[in-house]
Protein backbone atom coordinates (compact mmCIF):
# COMPACT_ATOMS: atom_id res chain seq x y z
CA MET A 1 0.04 0.06 0.04
CA GLY A 2 1.48 3.29 -1.06
CA ILE A 3 1.35 6.76 0.54
CA GLU A 4 -1.73 7.92 -1.34
CA ASP A 5 -3.47 4.66 -0.35
CA VAL A 6 -2.83 4.94 3.40
CA VAL A 7 -3.76 8.78 3.36
CA ARG A 8 -7.07 8.08 1.70
CA GLU A 9 -7.70 5.38 4.34
CA ALA A 10 -6.85 7.85 6.97
CA ILE A 11 -9.31 10.33 5.57
CA ARG A 12 -12.01 7.61 5.56
CA SER A 13 -11.42 6.64 9.12
CA SER A 14 -11.21 10.25 10.29
CA PHE A 15 -13.98 11.83 8.36
CA GLY A 16 -16.11 9.01 6.99
CA ILE A 17 -15.67 10.10 3.46
CA ASP A 18 -14.43 8.23 0.36
CA TYR A 19 -11.90 10.76 -1.10
CA LYS A 20 -11.15 9.88 -4.69
CA GLU A 21 -9.31 13.05 -5.74
CA ALA A 22 -5.52 13.05 -6.37
CA ILE A 23 -3.39 13.33 -3.08
CA PRO A 24 -0.78 15.95 -3.70
CA LEU A 25 2.58 14.90 -2.66
CA SER A 26 5.84 16.76 -2.78
CA ARG A 27 9.18 16.71 -1.25
CA PRO A 28 9.70 19.38 1.52
CA LYS A 29 12.45 21.75 0.92
CA LYS A 30 13.84 21.54 4.38
CA PRO A 31 14.81 17.98 5.48
CA GLU A 32 13.44 18.69 9.08
CA PHE A 33 9.93 18.65 7.60
CA GLY A 34 10.30 15.06 6.63
CA ASP A 35 10.70 13.03 3.51
CA MET A 36 7.34 13.72 1.95
CA SER A 37 4.58 16.21 2.39
CA THR A 38 0.85 16.59 1.44
CA SER A 39 -1.33 19.69 1.28
CA VAL A 40 -4.55 17.52 1.07
CA ALA A 41 -5.94 19.19 4.21
CA PHE A 42 -6.33 22.44 2.18
CA GLN A 43 -8.39 20.48 -0.48
CA LEU A 44 -10.62 19.17 2.16
CA ALA A 45 -11.15 22.37 4.08
CA LYS A 46 -14.05 23.67 2.12
CA ARG A 47 -15.75 20.13 1.81
CA LEU A 48 -15.50 19.51 5.67
CA GLY A 49 -16.03 23.11 6.62
CA SER A 50 -12.99 23.10 8.93
CA SER A 51 -9.57 24.66 8.74
CA PRO A 52 -6.66 22.93 7.29
CA ASN A 53 -4.84 22.99 10.58
CA VAL A 54 -7.65 21.08 12.35
CA ILE A 55 -8.02 18.53 9.33
CA SER A 56 -4.19 17.94 9.07
CA GLU A 57 -3.67 17.15 12.79
CA LYS A 58 -6.65 14.66 12.67
CA ILE A 59 -5.30 12.82 9.67
CA ALA A 60 -1.80 12.89 11.05
CA LYS A 61 -2.95 11.36 14.34
CA GLU A 62 -4.67 8.60 12.56
CA LEU A 63 -1.64 7.95 10.33
CA ALA A 64 0.72 7.86 13.23
CA SER A 65 -1.42 5.11 14.98
CA THR A 66 -2.29 2.90 11.99
CA SER A 67 0.55 3.03 9.40
CA GLU A 68 3.76 1.24 9.52
CA LEU A 69 5.04 3.25 6.63
CA PHE A 70 6.22 6.04 8.64
CA GLU A 71 8.46 6.61 11.68
CA ARG A 72 6.40 9.70 12.62
CA VAL A 73 3.96 12.04 11.06
CA THR A 74 3.98 15.84 11.89
CA THR A 75 1.97 18.88 10.77
CA GLN A 76 3.13 22.33 9.93
CA GLY A 77 0.62 24.98 8.93
CA GLY A 78 -1.97 22.55 7.41
CA TYR A 79 0.70 20.40 5.78
CA ILE A 80 1.18 16.91 6.76
CA ASN A 81 4.85 15.68 6.85
CA PHE A 82 5.74 12.14 6.56
CA HIS A 83 9.03 10.98 8.05
CA PHE A 84 10.05 7.60 6.81
CA GLY A 85 11.90 5.10 9.06
CA LYS A 86 14.73 2.58 8.41
CA THR A 87 12.16 -0.27 7.83
CA PHE A 88 10.45 1.85 4.96
CA PHE A 89 13.76 2.45 3.23
CA SER A 90 15.00 -1.09 3.62
CA LYS A 91 11.96 -2.63 2.26
CA LEU A 92 11.54 -0.10 -0.60
CA ILE A 93 15.35 -0.63 -1.73
CA GLY A 94 14.87 -4.39 -1.31
CA ASP A 95 11.77 -4.59 -3.39
CA ILE A 96 13.35 -2.48 -6.10
CA ILE A 97 16.48 -4.46 -6.62
CA SER A 98 14.57 -7.87 -6.28
CA GLY A 99 12.46 -7.00 -9.31
CA LYS A 100 9.24 -5.60 -7.75
CA LEU A 101 9.60 -2.09 -8.79
CA ALA A 102 6.40 -2.06 -11.06
CA SER A 103 4.26 -3.50 -8.20
CA LEU A 104 5.09 -0.46 -6.04
CA VAL A 105 3.39 1.94 -8.47
CA ARG A 106 -0.20 2.58 -7.43
CA ARG A 107 -2.91 1.34 -9.95
CA LEU A 108 -5.23 4.05 -11.12
CA SER A 109 -7.31 1.61 -13.06
CA ASP A 110 -8.29 -2.12 -12.94
CA GLY A 111 -7.95 -2.70 -16.69
CA GLU A 112 -10.30 0.06 -18.12
CA PHE A 113 -10.27 -0.07 -21.75
CA VAL A 114 -9.10 3.29 -23.16
CA GLN A 115 -7.39 4.73 -26.27
CA ILE A 116 -4.85 7.34 -27.19
CA GLU A 117 -5.01 8.62 -30.77
CA TYR A 118 -1.81 10.49 -31.67
CA VAL A 119 0.40 11.61 -34.65
CA SER A 120 -2.50 11.16 -37.21
CA ALA A 121 -0.47 13.33 -39.57
CA ASN A 122 -1.89 13.74 -43.12
CA PRO A 123 -0.30 11.22 -45.39
CA THR A 124 0.70 14.11 -47.87
CA GLY A 125 4.52 14.01 -47.12
CA PRO A 126 7.26 12.96 -44.71
CA LEU A 127 6.66 13.27 -40.90
CA ASN A 128 7.88 16.50 -39.50
CA VAL A 129 9.26 17.34 -36.17
CA VAL A 130 5.83 18.41 -34.84
CA SER A 131 4.33 15.06 -35.66
CA ALA A 132 7.58 13.48 -33.90
CA ARG A 133 6.88 15.25 -30.72
CA ALA A 134 3.35 13.86 -30.84
CA ALA A 135 4.81 10.39 -31.47
CA ALA A 136 7.03 10.59 -28.62
CA VAL A 137 4.50 11.93 -26.22
CA GLY A 138 1.74 9.61 -27.34
CA SER A 139 3.71 6.36 -27.29
CA SER A 140 5.18 7.33 -23.85
CA LEU A 141 1.71 8.01 -22.32
CA VAL A 142 0.59 4.63 -23.63
CA ASN A 143 3.25 2.90 -21.76
CA ILE A 144 2.73 4.98 -18.62
CA LEU A 145 -1.07 4.48 -18.58
CA ARG A 146 -0.49 0.83 -18.90
CA ARG A 147 1.86 0.87 -15.90
CA VAL A 148 -0.85 2.27 -13.65
CA GLY A 149 -3.44 -0.26 -14.80
CA TYR A 150 -5.22 0.88 -17.86
CA ASP A 151 -5.68 -1.37 -20.85
CA VAL A 152 -4.48 1.21 -23.57
CA LYS A 153 -4.56 1.00 -27.26
CA GLY A 154 -2.66 3.55 -29.54
CA GLU A 155 -4.34 4.55 -32.85
CA TYR A 156 -3.39 6.49 -35.81
CA TYR A 157 -6.11 8.21 -37.89
CA LEU A 158 -5.16 8.33 -41.52
CA ASN A 159 -6.67 11.47 -43.25
CA ASP A 160 -6.54 9.83 -46.62
CA ALA A 161 -9.54 11.61 -48.17
CA GLY A 162 -10.72 15.02 -48.89
CA ASN A 163 -9.29 18.10 -50.76
CA GLN A 164 -5.73 17.58 -49.57
CA VAL A 165 -5.54 14.26 -51.34
CA ARG A 166 -6.78 15.86 -54.46
CA LEU A 167 -4.10 18.69 -54.18
CA LEU A 168 -1.52 15.92 -53.41
CA THR A 169 -2.24 13.95 -56.47
CA GLU A 170 -2.29 17.14 -58.68
CA SER A 171 1.08 18.20 -57.26
CA LEU A 172 2.44 14.76 -57.94
CA ARG A 173 1.06 14.86 -61.51
CA ALA A 174 2.71 18.22 -62.14
CA ARG A 175 6.05 16.82 -60.88
CA ILE A 176 5.76 13.84 -63.20
CA LYS A 177 5.12 16.13 -66.15
CA GLN A 178 8.11 18.33 -65.22
CA LEU A 179 10.48 15.41 -64.99
CA LYS A 180 9.19 14.46 -68.47
CA GLY A 181 9.89 17.90 -69.73
CA GLU A 182 6.49 19.10 -70.09
CA ARG A 183 5.32 22.38 -68.76
CA ALA A 184 3.21 21.86 -65.52
CA ASP A 185 2.43 24.06 -62.56
CA ILE A 186 1.85 22.86 -59.06
CA PRO A 187 -1.40 24.30 -57.57
CA ASP A 188 -0.95 27.33 -55.42
CA GLU A 189 -2.28 25.44 -52.35
CA GLY A 190 -0.58 22.26 -53.45
CA TYR A 191 2.56 20.63 -52.22
CA HIS A 192 5.66 22.26 -53.39
CA GLY A 193 8.28 20.13 -51.38
CA GLU A 194 11.22 18.58 -53.23
CA TYR A 195 10.19 15.26 -51.59
CA LEU A 196 7.48 14.79 -54.27
CA LEU A 197 10.28 14.61 -56.93
CA ASP A 198 11.55 11.35 -55.63
CA TYR A 199 7.88 9.91 -55.56
CA ALA A 200 7.63 11.28 -59.03
CA ARG A 201 10.59 9.47 -60.42
CA ASP A 202 9.45 6.25 -58.72
CA ALA A 203 5.91 6.58 -60.28
CA ILE A 204 7.59 7.15 -63.73
CA GLU A 205 9.81 4.00 -63.37
CA GLU A 206 6.86 1.87 -62.15
CA ASN A 207 4.66 3.16 -64.98
CA VAL A 208 1.85 4.01 -62.61
CA PRO A 209 -1.36 4.73 -64.61
CA ASP A 210 -2.70 8.32 -64.22
CA ASP A 211 -5.94 7.07 -62.69
CA ARG A 212 -4.12 5.19 -60.03
CA LEU A 213 -1.85 8.00 -58.84
CA SER A 214 -3.94 9.02 -55.85
CA ASP A 215 -3.99 5.53 -54.49
CA TRP A 216 -0.38 4.88 -55.26
CA ILE A 217 0.91 8.04 -53.65
CA LEU A 218 -1.18 7.55 -50.48
CA SER A 219 -0.04 4.11 -50.21
CA ARG A 220 3.70 4.90 -50.67
CA ILE A 221 3.55 7.95 -48.23
CA THR A 222 1.62 5.80 -45.59
CA ASP A 223 4.34 3.02 -45.84
CA ASP A 224 7.09 5.57 -45.41
CA ILE A 225 5.32 7.06 -42.40
CA LYS A 226 5.06 3.75 -40.77
CA GLU A 227 8.74 2.95 -41.45
CA THR A 228 9.73 6.29 -39.99
CA LEU A 229 7.71 5.71 -36.97
CA LYS A 230 9.22 2.31 -36.48
CA ARG A 231 12.67 3.71 -36.71
CA PHE A 232 11.55 6.29 -33.86
CA GLY A 233 10.27 3.38 -31.66
CA VAL A 234 6.65 3.84 -32.34
CA CYS A 235 4.12 1.14 -33.25
CA PHE A 236 0.41 1.51 -33.22
CA ASP A 237 -2.15 -0.98 -32.19
CA SER A 238 -4.39 0.16 -35.02
CA TRP A 239 -4.59 2.36 -38.13
CA VAL A 240 -8.06 3.88 -39.19
CA SER A 241 -8.58 5.08 -42.72
CA GLU A 242 -10.80 8.26 -43.26
CA ARG A 243 -11.59 6.90 -46.72
CA GLU A 244 -12.84 3.62 -45.39
CA LEU A 245 -14.87 5.34 -42.74
CA ARG A 246 -16.46 7.71 -45.33
CA SER A 247 -17.58 4.64 -47.35
CA SER A 248 -18.70 2.44 -44.53
CA GLY A 249 -22.10 4.19 -44.04
CA ARG A 250 -21.09 5.36 -40.55
CA VAL A 251 -21.39 9.04 -41.35
CA GLU A 252 -24.86 8.55 -42.70
CA LYS A 253 -26.01 6.64 -39.62
CA LEU A 254 -24.53 9.43 -37.38
CA ILE A 255 -26.31 12.15 -39.16
CA SER A 256 -29.59 10.11 -38.98
CA GLU A 257 -29.03 9.76 -35.20
CA LEU A 258 -28.42 13.49 -34.70
CA ASP A 259 -31.60 14.06 -36.78
CA LYS A 260 -33.62 11.95 -34.52
CA LYS A 261 -32.50 14.23 -31.68
CA HIS A 262 -33.60 17.32 -33.64
CA LEU A 263 -29.94 18.59 -33.97
CA VAL A 264 -29.84 18.75 -37.77
CA TYR A 265 -31.46 21.18 -40.23
CA GLU A 266 -31.02 22.15 -43.88
CA LYS A 267 -29.92 25.74 -44.97
CA ASP A 268 -28.49 26.98 -48.22
CA GLY A 269 -28.41 23.60 -49.63
CA ALA A 270 -26.22 22.20 -46.83
CA ILE A 271 -27.02 20.13 -43.76
CA TRP A 272 -25.96 21.66 -40.39
CA PHE A 273 -25.36 20.54 -36.77
CA ALA A 274 -27.48 22.84 -34.52
CA ALA A 275 -24.84 23.35 -31.88
CA THR A 276 -26.48 26.63 -30.82
CA SER A 277 -29.69 24.73 -29.77
CA LEU A 278 -27.67 22.42 -27.78
CA ASP A 279 -25.52 25.10 -26.14
CA PRO A 280 -26.82 28.73 -26.22
CA GLU A 281 -23.24 29.83 -25.56
CA SER A 282 -21.89 28.18 -28.87
CA GLU A 283 -21.07 30.89 -31.25
CA GLN A 284 -22.30 29.03 -34.39
CA ASP A 285 -23.78 25.96 -35.97
CA TYR A 286 -21.50 23.69 -38.03
CA VAL A 287 -21.93 22.08 -41.43
CA LEU A 288 -22.27 18.34 -41.72
CA VAL A 289 -22.84 17.91 -45.40
CA LYS A 290 -21.75 20.54 -47.76
CA SER A 291 -23.95 22.05 -50.46
CA ASP A 292 -22.00 19.84 -53.06
CA GLY A 293 -22.99 16.73 -51.17
CA GLU A 294 -19.59 16.14 -49.69
CA TYR A 295 -19.34 15.32 -45.91
CA SER A 296 -17.51 17.93 -43.86
CA TYR A 297 -14.39 17.01 -41.94
CA PHE A 298 -16.40 17.63 -38.74
CA ALA A 299 -19.11 15.20 -39.72
CA VAL A 300 -16.54 12.34 -40.48
CA ASP A 301 -14.75 13.13 -37.24
CA ILE A 302 -17.79 12.81 -35.07
CA ALA A 303 -18.50 9.47 -36.92
CA TYR A 304 -14.86 8.29 -36.16
CA HIS A 305 -15.22 9.21 -32.45
CA LEU A 306 -18.60 7.49 -32.19
CA ASP A 307 -16.98 4.36 -33.72
CA LYS A 308 -14.35 4.56 -31.10
CA PHE A 309 -16.89 4.18 -28.18
CA GLN A 310 -18.85 1.50 -30.16
CA ARG A 311 -15.58 -0.39 -30.11
CA GLY A 312 -15.71 -0.49 -26.31
CA PHE A 313 -13.47 2.32 -25.20
CA SER A 314 -14.55 4.02 -22.05
CA HIS A 315 -12.53 7.07 -22.61
CA VAL A 316 -10.36 8.43 -25.44
CA TRP A 317 -7.60 10.99 -25.58
CA ASP A 318 -6.64 12.70 -28.77
CA ILE A 319 -3.32 14.36 -29.08
CA TRP A 320 -3.80 17.48 -31.42
CA GLY A 321 -1.91 20.37 -32.69
CA PRO A 322 -2.58 23.88 -31.53
CA ASP A 323 -4.55 24.63 -34.74
CA HIS A 324 -7.28 22.36 -33.40
CA HIS A 325 -8.07 24.40 -30.43
CA GLY A 326 -11.47 25.49 -31.85
CA HIS A 327 -12.42 21.94 -32.84
CA ILE A 328 -12.48 20.80 -29.15
CA LYS A 329 -15.70 22.48 -28.05
CA ARG A 330 -17.67 21.49 -31.15
CA MET A 331 -16.52 18.00 -30.85
CA GLN A 332 -17.49 18.05 -27.18
CA LEU A 333 -20.97 19.34 -28.02
CA ALA A 334 -21.52 16.62 -30.70
CA LEU A 335 -20.44 13.89 -28.33
CA ARG A 336 -22.45 15.24 -25.53
CA SER A 337 -25.65 14.92 -27.77
CA LEU A 338 -24.54 11.37 -28.28
CA GLY A 339 -23.87 10.77 -24.51
CA TYR A 340 -20.03 10.62 -24.67
CA ASP A 341 -18.84 14.14 -23.84
CA ARG A 342 -17.22 13.03 -20.50
CA ALA A 343 -15.45 10.16 -22.35
CA PHE A 344 -13.53 12.44 -24.59
CA SER A 345 -10.42 14.57 -23.89
CA ALA A 346 -8.13 16.46 -26.10
CA ILE A 347 -4.43 17.09 -25.35
CA LEU A 348 -3.20 20.14 -27.37
CA LEU A 349 0.50 19.75 -28.18
CA GLN A 350 2.27 23.03 -29.02
CA GLN A 351 4.68 23.98 -31.78
CA VAL A 352 8.20 22.78 -32.29
CA ASN A 353 10.93 25.01 -33.48
CA ILE A 354 14.37 23.50 -34.51
CA VAL A 355 16.85 26.02 -33.43
CA GLU A 356 20.42 25.95 -34.82
CA GLU A 357 22.92 28.58 -34.22
CA GLY A 358 20.34 30.69 -32.57
CA LYS A 359 18.07 30.66 -35.58
CA ARG A 360 14.70 28.84 -36.08
CA ARG A 361 13.97 26.75 -39.15
CA LYS A 362 10.55 27.26 -40.85
CA MET A 363 8.36 24.21 -41.60
CA SER A 364 5.69 23.76 -44.23
CA LYS A 365 4.86 20.73 -46.25
CA ARG A 366 3.24 22.79 -48.88
CA ARG A 367 5.93 25.42 -49.31
CA GLY A 368 8.52 22.75 -49.29
CA GLU A 369 10.38 24.13 -46.11
CA LEU A 370 10.44 21.04 -44.17
CA VAL A 371 12.39 19.54 -41.24
CA THR A 372 11.56 15.82 -41.47
CA LEU A 373 11.87 13.32 -38.70
CA ASN A 374 14.04 11.17 -40.80
CA GLU A 375 16.58 14.10 -41.42
CA LEU A 376 16.58 14.87 -37.63
CA LEU A 377 17.33 11.10 -36.89
CA GLY A 378 20.08 11.23 -39.40
CA GLU A 379 21.88 13.95 -37.15
CA ILE A 380 20.97 12.80 -33.61
CA ASP A 381 20.26 9.50 -31.82
CA THR A 382 16.69 8.51 -31.56
CA ASP A 383 16.87 8.30 -27.75
CA VAL A 384 18.16 11.93 -27.74
CA ALA A 385 15.30 13.02 -29.96
CA ARG A 386 12.69 11.28 -27.75
CA PHE A 387 13.97 12.78 -24.61
CA PHE A 388 14.13 16.28 -25.96
CA PHE A 389 10.59 16.17 -27.21
CA LEU A 390 9.33 14.70 -23.79
CA ASP A 391 11.20 17.11 -21.53
CA ARG A 392 8.71 19.94 -21.75
CA ARG A 393 5.17 20.61 -20.84
CA VAL A 394 2.79 19.61 -23.66
CA GLY A 395 1.11 23.08 -23.64
CA ALA A 396 4.45 24.93 -23.98
CA HIS A 397 6.23 25.67 -27.20
CA LEU A 398 9.48 23.64 -27.61
CA ASP A 399 12.60 25.17 -29.00
CA PHE A 400 14.68 22.02 -30.04
CA ASP A 401 18.23 23.01 -29.49
CA LEU A 402 20.04 21.03 -32.17
CA GLU A 403 23.56 21.88 -31.20
CA LEU A 404 22.96 20.63 -27.63
CA ALA A 405 21.28 17.46 -28.91
CA ARG A 406 24.42 16.59 -30.98
CA LYS A 407 26.71 16.79 -27.90
CA GLU A 408 27.74 13.42 -26.41
CA SER A 409 28.67 14.85 -23.00
CA GLU A 410 27.10 15.54 -19.72
CA GLU A 411 25.78 18.88 -21.07
CA ASN A 412 23.22 16.74 -23.00
CA PRO A 413 20.50 15.77 -20.58
CA VAL A 414 20.01 12.35 -22.15
CA TYR A 415 23.50 11.37 -21.84
CA TYR A 416 23.61 12.72 -18.30
CA VAL A 417 20.84 10.37 -17.39
CA LYS A 418 22.37 7.48 -19.34
CA TYR A 419 25.69 7.94 -17.88
CA ALA A 420 24.21 7.52 -14.45
CA HIS A 421 22.88 4.11 -15.42
CA ALA A 422 26.10 3.03 -17.14
CA ARG A 423 28.27 3.99 -14.27
CA ILE A 424 26.26 2.15 -11.73
CA ARG A 425 26.41 -1.01 -14.04
CA SER A 426 30.13 -0.54 -14.08
CA ILE A 427 30.12 -0.38 -10.22
CA GLU A 428 27.94 -3.62 -10.25
CA ARG A 429 30.47 -5.45 -12.45
CA LEU A 430 33.26 -4.39 -10.06
CA ALA A 431 31.34 -5.59 -6.99
CA GLY A 432 30.70 -8.96 -8.86
CA LEU A 433 34.54 -9.27 -9.33
CA ARG A 434 35.07 -8.69 -5.74
CA GLY A 435 32.24 -11.11 -4.45
CA ILE A 436 30.31 -8.27 -3.02
CA THR A 437 26.50 -8.60 -3.08
CA PRO A 438 23.71 -6.12 -2.13
CA GLY A 439 23.11 -5.94 1.64
CA SER A 440 21.49 -3.89 4.42
CA ILE A 441 21.32 -0.16 4.14
CA GLU A 442 20.06 0.64 7.50
CA ASN A 443 23.48 1.62 9.04
CA LEU A 444 24.08 3.88 6.18
CA LEU A 445 20.96 6.12 6.46
CA GLY A 446 22.71 8.50 8.80
CA ILE A 447 25.05 9.48 5.89
CA PRO A 448 23.31 12.76 4.54
CA GLU A 449 23.92 12.13 0.82
CA PHE A 450 22.89 8.49 1.21
CA LEU A 451 19.68 9.37 2.74
CA HIS A 452 19.10 12.13 0.31
CA LEU A 453 19.47 9.78 -2.54
CA ALA A 454 17.29 7.17 -0.89
CA ARG A 455 14.55 9.76 -0.50
CA ARG A 456 14.73 10.61 -4.15
CA VAL A 457 14.34 6.91 -5.07
CA ALA A 458 11.29 6.77 -2.82
CA GLU A 459 9.74 9.46 -4.85
CA TYR A 460 9.53 7.37 -8.16
CA PRO A 461 6.20 5.50 -7.71
CA ASP A 462 4.36 8.71 -7.00
CA VAL A 463 6.15 10.32 -10.04
CA ILE A 464 4.72 7.75 -12.17
CA VAL A 465 1.19 8.20 -10.79
CA ARG A 466 1.39 11.97 -11.18
CA THR A 467 2.72 11.70 -14.74
CA ALA A 468 -0.24 9.39 -15.66
CA ARG A 469 -2.72 11.67 -13.89
CA GLU A 470 -1.53 14.92 -15.41
CA LEU A 471 -0.60 13.30 -18.85
CA GLU A 472 2.66 15.23 -18.77
CA THR A 473 5.82 13.41 -19.63
CA HIS A 474 8.01 16.16 -18.48
CA ILE A 475 7.31 15.19 -14.84
CA LEU A 476 9.14 11.88 -15.42
CA THR A 477 11.98 13.37 -17.32
CA ASP A 478 12.49 16.15 -14.76
CA TYR A 479 12.66 13.43 -12.04
CA LEU A 480 15.12 11.26 -13.91
CA LEU A 481 17.43 14.44 -14.30
CA ALA A 482 17.02 15.06 -10.55
CA LEU A 483 17.79 11.38 -9.60
CA SER A 484 20.87 11.32 -11.89
CA ARG A 485 22.00 14.63 -10.54
CA ASP A 486 21.70 13.27 -6.82
CA PHE A 487 23.53 10.10 -7.82
CA HIS A 488 26.42 11.89 -9.53
CA HIS A 489 26.81 14.07 -6.65
CA PHE A 490 26.72 10.98 -4.13
CA TYR A 491 29.23 9.13 -6.40
CA HIS A 492 31.91 12.12 -6.32
CA ILE A 493 31.67 12.12 -2.49
CA HIS A 494 31.46 8.48 -1.62
CA ARG A 495 33.14 5.50 -3.03
CA VAL A 496 30.78 2.56 -3.36
CA ILE A 497 32.99 -0.34 -3.41
CA THR A 498 35.65 -0.13 -0.65
CA GLY A 499 37.58 -2.65 1.61
CA ASP A 500 34.69 -2.48 4.08
CA ARG A 501 32.43 -5.20 2.69
CA GLU A 502 29.42 -4.60 4.83
CA ARG A 503 29.43 -0.89 3.89
CA SER A 504 30.02 -1.69 0.26
CA SER A 505 27.05 -4.04 0.33
CA GLY A 506 24.74 -1.44 1.61
CA MET A 507 26.05 1.20 -0.79
CA LEU A 508 25.65 -1.28 -3.66
CA SER A 509 21.98 -1.92 -2.74
CA LEU A 510 21.20 1.83 -2.99
CA VAL A 511 22.93 2.44 -6.27
CA LEU A 512 21.40 -0.54 -7.81
CA ALA A 513 17.96 0.76 -6.82
CA VAL A 514 18.85 3.97 -8.61
CA ALA A 515 19.88 2.04 -11.85
CA GLU A 516 16.68 0.06 -11.77
CA VAL A 517 14.62 3.26 -11.44
CA ILE A 518 16.57 4.98 -14.16
CA LYS A 519 16.14 1.99 -16.48
CA ASP A 520 12.46 1.65 -15.77
CA GLY A 521 11.66 5.40 -16.23
CA LEU A 522 13.68 5.47 -19.58
CA ALA A 523 11.87 2.40 -20.81
CA LEU A 524 8.47 4.03 -20.08
CA LEU A 525 9.73 6.89 -22.41
CA GLY A 526 10.90 4.39 -25.05
CA ILE A 527 14.48 5.02 -24.29
CA GLU A 528 17.31 2.54 -23.75
CA ALA A 529 19.48 2.43 -20.62
CA PRO A 530 22.86 1.34 -21.61
CA GLU A 531 25.13 -1.07 -19.77
CA ARG A 532 28.43 0.69 -20.93
CA MET A 533 29.26 4.08 -22.35
């Protein structure tokens, strides 16, 4: 039972309520305030109609009398401070180095069937670095949510229909003609990138018929996207085609369902979704079927999300770019009318700027100014790219420092974390040569740096839970950097393997726990922890 669990139980025993909100946990800035602290009493104050001081003291008293996790529990200005004892640290380190790390992480779900849709870039060209960020974040969140008990599936929605496909085909056709020496202009809104020349050459070599150009280019680009994602360590559980969705009859069924709810009307030759009748605060109604009879992107997207829930998902998260901000509310309105608004969430991922020598590169598939993921991976290691994409709040713009990413030194945060792991594995090999095995840590907890490092290790299970709850990968990358920093500091002060075998055994236990945590954390982020560097 973790800290959150025992605090919930103490709240239930003290006040008779089943508290299901997140229990905020943090590390006190001053060691005298304990190993871990919570401000949950402030969250309970309004609900219980009492002061945080009174609430915290009652919870602390209950915890001190019932939990074996803590040596003592104190309060300070409404905060509850937990002081871990030797037994706690000994069991924690022992569990970690004996392969029980995953079991220490609190389960937030008992197999709830959920989905994360991410990347879903249009198959109109190579994946750029914005899509790469989505790929890193999405695949990592899939891993992390699985760790806390969800049955998660990752999905890619392939926008292989509509005007963009027509423009792509026309652009390719123009490139083919240009290669044959014929005069041909790419449409103004078409795709001007040089990458289409390579596809055009292949189309000429394969003698692709003109009436098959659209299918051919979509298939080729989709295959290349899959190959790039595989290179980046990303594999999806499923791929869904917009083209197939449009032809399946699901959109017609959706519109019929909305019509039964009196949320559809006809105007100016088009069919509209009556968003304003559903929500007076909505600024406008939205087209479902255009005047030319073609389905709008909105209509198809509602049908796609309805299909997700019909497949059994209880909640779906979509990772979208910042240009989708206005799409969230109308999607929520449509899904609310169908009974699914609370089962849908959107994560808006902000822009990525590649920065080199202090200058930002511009990116546009249509203008041909494109920094592709493949190009990036040609310059830096995949693990470096993933860590850089993940080490930032999703709602914040990311300036990707290419010069820093190229460095294979401790200045590069990825190498800094990896080096901590590799250094510990080197220590482990040395211990093996000298016949030293992990032993008790209790007599070493009086060493300030040792205790500080042990406290940092103890944070890991709650870091994973917080990362899962907030869907923010930077929480985990920040922690791994802090843990590595603490280890490097400890290592420079204390030799792990010395002539004192008992002391060496205890030191070895702690650093091996650090290595296991780093390895596990990096694995959740899709990054390798090297044995040697």
